[in-house]
Structures are given as C-alpha cells and as structure tokens.
Amino acid sequence: MNPHQHTGRLLFPLAALMVIAADQVSKALAVAAWSGTWGPQARLGPFRAVLVHNAGVAFGLGNGRPALITMITLTGAVATLAAVCAGLRAHGRGLACGMALIAGGSVGNGADRVVRPPGPLRGAVVDWITVAGRGPVFNLADVALVTGTLLTAAVLLYSAARRPRVSLRTCVPRSAPAPAPDPDPDPDPSPASDPGPPAPGCSPAPRSRPRTPSAAPAPLRRSPPGRPARW
C-alpha cells in the first residue's frame, strides 16, 4: 500500500477547515469592531485594517451587475467542488495543501455571497485588509486563494520536471549470433563443387572419389589339428 495514499483525505479537510474558520472569524471581528466607521482603523506593519463591503468581484469589478455576480458565484462553486475532489485524491502534501487553500478561500468568500445582504448569491464580501492604506482591499480568503494557486502551480511544475523523459528512439534488441555450422568430416561431392570444363590445352583435374569403407578381412578359419590354416 502506498504510504501517501491517505494524505489528501487527512490533510486536505483539516487545512480547508482551518482556512474557512480563520476567514469567517476575522470577518466577524472586523464587522463587530469597525462597522459604521470610515478609513483605516488599525495598523500592523505595512498592513492597514479598512472595512469594506464588496458587492462586486475582485478589485470591486462587477458592482451593480447582479446577474454577473450570480454567474461568477456559481462558477466559483463548481471550481470549489473540483478543488475538493482533487484535494481528497492528492497523494502529496504540497498538492493537498494547495487544493485546501483554494477550496477554503472559495468557501469563505462564497459564504458571504450566500448569507450577507443584499440577497442570496449576490451578497457583499467583507474585505478588511490593505497594504500601506492604498491599493485593493482583500481578506484572508483572498490570500488563501492566491497562495493555493501559486503552491499548486509550483507543485505541478516540479512534478513535471522530475518526470523521466521517454526517448523517441526505438530500441532494437540485439539478436544472439547464429551458431557456426559444424564442419562435415566427410563431405559428399555435389554438383556445385564441379570445377567445370578444363581450359584449352589443359588436362582435366582428377576428381577425388569419395572414400568407401574397405571390406573387413575375412575371419580366420580354424583347421583341425595337424592341418595348416587356410587364409
């Protein structure tokens, strides 16, 4: 059994739930602390806390177009389902974490679309983080989506680089050399060995006759005692 067979089934749900919980808790705290206020409210290094209700998509696009928002929400739901299936089947930790970040971020923003006003599938997403008080405002779900996409791409590229390359050359196995024929100790004369007619002025070469086994000598006849033996 593959030791990494259950990596996705164990790591993916845990990481995805952690992303969803962190995103929803941070949004609830931001709404409770800075609802009704305007401008940056807190500072943490280069980051600023600014509460914004984004009724559009990323970077405020799609505002005032509920049909577009509904289509994007449904598309995100399909992408989330695909990420869940891929994450549960992942055998590596990197791919499982990448899919968990994507799925957790999609569910975090999708929950805002469903339960927050102005209505189901058209709800405003709570954004509360910006860099240096300028630029786009985002949330932890957006961070998880971007990080998961980059991590998944890096894992897939690394796996493709480590995959062995298959040569296009066709390997022809070398055949074993044929065994040398055994020399015939007494070859029979054949028509192929006929030297042909002699040249003019030359006597034909004598043909060698095949050896025939000589007759065995006749056994000696034993004569009665007193008589010489006959050959």
Protein backbone atom coordinates (compact mmCIF):
# COMPACT_ATOMS: atom_id res chain seq x y z
CA MET A 1 0.00 0.00 0.00
CA ASN A 2 1.26 3.49 -0.86
CA PRO A 3 2.29 5.29 2.37
CA HIS A 4 0.96 8.61 0.94
CA GLN A 5 -2.37 7.15 -0.19
CA HIS A 6 -4.41 8.84 2.59
CA THR A 7 -2.52 12.16 2.65
CA GLY A 8 -5.29 14.05 0.86
CA ARG A 9 -8.06 12.50 2.94
CA LEU A 10 -6.40 13.57 6.19
CA LEU A 11 -4.57 16.80 5.40
CA PHE A 12 -6.97 18.39 2.92
CA PRO A 13 -10.09 18.63 5.17
CA LEU A 14 -8.06 19.83 8.15
CA ALA A 15 -6.31 22.60 6.19
CA ALA A 16 -9.51 23.67 4.41
CA LEU A 17 -11.47 23.93 7.67
CA MET A 18 -8.69 25.99 9.24
CA VAL A 19 -8.80 28.45 6.31
CA ILE A 20 -12.60 28.76 6.47
CA ALA A 21 -12.61 29.25 10.23
CA ALA A 22 -9.84 31.87 10.17
CA ASP A 23 -11.55 33.80 7.37
CA GLN A 24 -15.03 33.84 8.92
CA VAL A 25 -13.82 34.66 12.43
CA SER A 26 -11.65 37.53 11.17
CA LYS A 27 -14.55 38.93 9.14
CA ALA A 28 -16.91 38.73 12.13
CA LEU A 29 -14.40 40.53 14.35
CA ALA A 30 -13.81 43.22 11.73
CA VAL A 31 -17.54 43.86 11.29
CA ALA A 32 -18.09 43.96 15.06
CA ALA A 33 -15.17 46.32 15.69
CA TRP A 34 -15.27 48.73 12.74
CA SER A 35 -18.84 48.69 11.47
CA GLY A 36 -20.04 52.24 10.78
CA THR A 37 -16.54 53.72 10.71
CA TRP A 38 -14.55 55.11 7.82
CA GLY A 39 -10.85 54.95 6.98
CA PRO A 40 -8.00 52.85 8.38
CA GLN A 41 -8.69 51.57 11.87
CA ALA A 42 -5.59 49.58 12.85
CA ARG A 43 -2.02 49.12 11.73
CA LEU A 44 0.20 46.05 11.70
CA GLY A 45 3.48 46.76 9.95
CA PRO A 46 2.78 47.56 6.28
CA PHE A 47 -0.85 46.38 6.59
CA ARG A 48 -3.87 48.53 7.46
CA ALA A 49 -7.37 47.50 8.54
CA VAL A 50 -10.12 49.04 6.41
CA LEU A 51 -13.64 47.60 6.49
CA VAL A 52 -15.23 47.42 3.04
CA HIS A 53 -18.35 45.57 1.83
CA ASN A 54 -17.53 44.50 -1.72
CA ALA A 55 -20.67 43.78 -3.73
CA GLY A 56 -18.62 43.03 -6.84
CA VAL A 57 -15.79 40.62 -7.51
CA ALA A 58 -12.07 41.15 -7.05
CA PHE A 59 -10.93 44.78 -7.09
CA GLY A 60 -14.55 45.96 -6.97
CA LEU A 61 -15.40 44.79 -10.50
CA GLY A 62 -19.00 43.88 -11.32
CA ASN A 63 -20.69 46.38 -8.99
CA GLY A 64 -24.31 46.94 -9.95
CA ARG A 65 -24.49 43.78 -12.10
CA PRO A 66 -26.29 41.12 -10.07
CA ALA A 67 -26.55 38.68 -13.00
CA LEU A 68 -22.77 38.72 -13.43
CA ILE A 69 -22.24 38.24 -9.71
CA THR A 70 -24.63 35.27 -9.68
CA MET A 71 -22.84 33.62 -12.63
CA ILE A 72 -19.44 34.16 -11.02
CA THR A 73 -20.71 32.70 -7.74
CA LEU A 74 -21.98 29.55 -9.47
CA THR A 75 -18.72 29.22 -11.37
CA GLY A 76 -16.83 29.51 -8.08
CA ALA A 77 -18.99 26.77 -6.61
CA VAL A 78 -18.08 24.41 -9.46
CA ALA A 79 -14.39 25.28 -9.09
CA THR A 80 -14.63 24.64 -5.36
CA LEU A 81 -16.13 21.20 -5.96
CA ALA A 82 -13.33 20.36 -8.40
CA ALA A 83 -10.73 21.51 -5.86
CA VAL A 84 -12.33 19.32 -3.19
CA CYS A 85 -12.24 16.23 -5.43
CA ALA A 86 -8.62 16.87 -6.41
CA GLY A 87 -7.57 17.56 -2.82
CA LEU A 88 -9.11 14.38 -1.45
CA ARG A 89 -7.27 12.30 -4.07
CA ALA A 90 -3.92 14.04 -3.63
CA HIS A 91 -1.02 11.82 -2.53
CA GLY A 92 1.45 14.64 -1.82
CA ARG A 93 1.35 17.17 0.99
CA GLY A 94 2.09 20.12 -1.27
CA LEU A 95 -0.78 19.39 -3.65
CA ALA A 96 -3.16 18.64 -0.76
CA CYS A 97 -2.31 21.94 0.95
CA GLY A 98 -2.64 23.89 -2.30
CA MET A 99 -6.07 22.43 -3.01
CA ALA A 100 -7.12 23.05 0.61
CA LEU A 101 -6.16 26.72 0.39
CA ILE A 102 -8.11 27.14 -2.86
CA ALA A 103 -11.18 25.33 -1.56
CA GLY A 104 -11.11 27.10 1.82
CA GLY A 105 -10.77 30.52 0.22
CA SER A 106 -13.58 29.82 -2.23
CA VAL A 107 -15.90 28.62 0.53
CA GLY A 108 -15.02 31.64 2.71
CA ASN A 109 -15.99 34.17 0.04
CA GLY A 110 -18.87 32.01 -1.19
CA ALA A 111 -20.42 32.03 2.26
CA ASP A 112 -20.54 35.83 2.15
CA ARG A 113 -22.27 35.67 -1.22
CA VAL A 114 -24.95 33.40 0.19
CA VAL A 115 -25.75 34.79 3.66
CA ARG A 116 -24.93 38.51 3.52
CA PRO A 117 -27.11 41.31 2.08
CA PRO A 118 -28.38 42.31 -0.43
CA GLY A 119 -29.50 38.70 -1.02
CA PRO A 120 -28.55 35.09 -1.72
CA LEU A 121 -25.89 34.63 -4.43
CA ARG A 122 -25.49 38.43 -4.54
CA GLY A 123 -24.20 39.15 -1.05
CA ALA A 124 -21.33 41.57 -0.40
CA VAL A 125 -17.97 40.09 0.56
CA VAL A 126 -16.33 41.56 3.67
CA ASP A 127 -12.82 42.87 2.88
CA TRP A 128 -10.75 44.44 5.61
CA ILE A 129 -7.00 44.30 4.76
CA THR A 130 -5.00 46.72 2.65
CA VAL A 131 -1.30 47.42 2.18
CA ALA A 132 0.01 50.81 3.37
CA GLY A 133 -3.51 52.31 3.27
CA ARG A 134 -3.60 52.20 -0.54
CA GLY A 135 -4.40 49.68 -3.23
CA PRO A 136 -7.08 46.97 -3.25
CA VAL A 137 -8.76 45.76 -0.05
CA PHE A 138 -8.87 42.00 0.49
CA ASN A 139 -9.41 39.36 3.18
CA LEU A 140 -7.87 36.10 4.37
CA ALA A 141 -9.88 34.08 1.84
CA ASP A 142 -8.28 36.06 -1.00
CA VAL A 143 -4.84 35.42 0.50
CA ALA A 144 -5.59 31.70 0.68
CA LEU A 145 -6.79 31.64 -2.93
CA VAL A 146 -3.67 33.33 -4.30
CA THR A 147 -1.30 31.28 -2.11
CA GLY A 148 -3.02 28.00 -3.00
CA THR A 149 -2.91 28.75 -6.72
CA LEU A 150 0.81 29.55 -6.61
CA LEU A 151 1.57 26.48 -4.46
CA THR A 152 -0.40 24.16 -6.74
CA ALA A 153 1.32 25.52 -9.84
CA ALA A 154 4.75 25.11 -8.23
CA VAL A 155 3.99 21.51 -7.21
CA LEU A 156 2.76 20.57 -10.69
CA LEU A 157 5.77 22.17 -12.39
CA TYR A 158 8.16 20.41 -10.00
CA SER A 159 6.46 17.07 -10.63
CA ALA A 160 6.66 17.59 -14.39
CA ALA A 161 10.36 18.44 -14.14
CA ARG A 162 11.13 15.28 -12.17
CA ARG A 163 9.19 13.02 -14.52
CA PRO A 164 11.63 10.86 -16.55
CA ARG A 165 11.81 11.72 -20.20
CA VAL A 166 10.97 8.95 -22.66
CA SER A 167 13.38 8.74 -25.59
CA LEU A 168 11.86 8.78 -29.05
CA ARG A 169 14.44 6.35 -30.37
CA THR A 170 13.26 2.81 -30.87
CA CYS A 171 15.48 0.34 -29.10
CA VAL A 172 16.08 -2.76 -31.23
CA PRO A 173 17.25 -5.71 -29.14
CA ARG A 174 20.39 -7.32 -30.34
CA SER A 175 19.84 -10.85 -31.61
CA ALA A 176 22.19 -13.58 -30.49
CA PRO A 177 24.71 -14.61 -33.16
CA ALA A 178 23.81 -17.74 -35.04
CA PRO A 179 25.93 -20.76 -34.06
CA ALA A 180 28.61 -21.74 -36.56
CA PRO A 181 27.79 -24.93 -38.51
CA ASP A 182 29.72 -28.00 -37.54
CA PRO A 183 32.35 -28.98 -40.14
CA ASP A 184 31.46 -32.09 -42.07
CA PRO A 185 34.28 -34.60 -41.64
CA ASP A 186 33.45 -36.36 -44.90
CA PRO A 187 31.54 -34.04 -47.23
CA ASP A 188 29.79 -35.57 -50.17
CA PRO A 189 30.68 -34.30 -53.61
CA SER A 190 27.98 -32.09 -55.06
CA PRO A 191 27.43 -30.55 -58.48
CA ALA A 192 28.25 -27.12 -57.01
CA SER A 193 31.85 -28.22 -56.48
CA ASP A 194 32.29 -29.20 -60.14
CA PRO A 195 35.19 -27.11 -61.48
CA GLY A 196 33.69 -27.13 -64.97
CA PRO A 197 35.30 -27.95 -68.29
CA PRO A 198 39.08 -27.53 -68.46
CA ALA A 199 40.62 -24.66 -70.32
CA PRO A 200 42.08 -25.34 -73.79
CA GLY A 201 45.44 -27.04 -73.60
CA CYS A 202 44.92 -28.22 -70.01
CA SER A 203 44.16 -31.67 -68.83
CA PRO A 204 41.18 -32.05 -66.55
CA ALA A 205 42.00 -32.27 -62.87
CA PRO A 206 41.40 -35.67 -61.45
CA ARG A 207 38.28 -35.85 -59.40
CA SER A 208 38.59 -37.14 -55.96
CA ARG A 209 36.46 -40.11 -55.26
CA PRO A 210 34.66 -40.44 -52.02
CA ARG A 211 36.14 -42.77 -49.57
CA THR A 212 34.40 -46.09 -49.30
CA PRO A 213 34.85 -48.23 -46.28
CA SER A 214 37.14 -51.14 -47.06
CA ALA A 215 35.87 -54.63 -46.64
CA ALA A 216 36.63 -56.18 -43.31
CA PRO A 217 39.11 -59.04 -43.51
CA ALA A 218 37.57 -62.44 -43.51
CA PRO A 219 37.85 -64.25 -40.24
CA LEU A 220 40.43 -66.98 -39.98
CA ARG A 221 39.14 -70.45 -40.34
CA ARG A 222 40.39 -72.74 -37.72
CA SER A 223 41.51 -76.02 -39.23
CA PRO A 224 41.57 -79.27 -37.37
CA PRO A 225 44.76 -80.07 -35.53
CA GLY A 226 47.53 -81.24 -37.85
CA ARG A 227 46.35 -79.16 -40.84
CA PRO A 228 47.69 -75.75 -41.79
CA ALA A 229 45.29 -72.84 -41.50
CA ARG A 230 43.72 -71.58 -44.73
CA TRP A 231 43.61 -67.93 -45.47
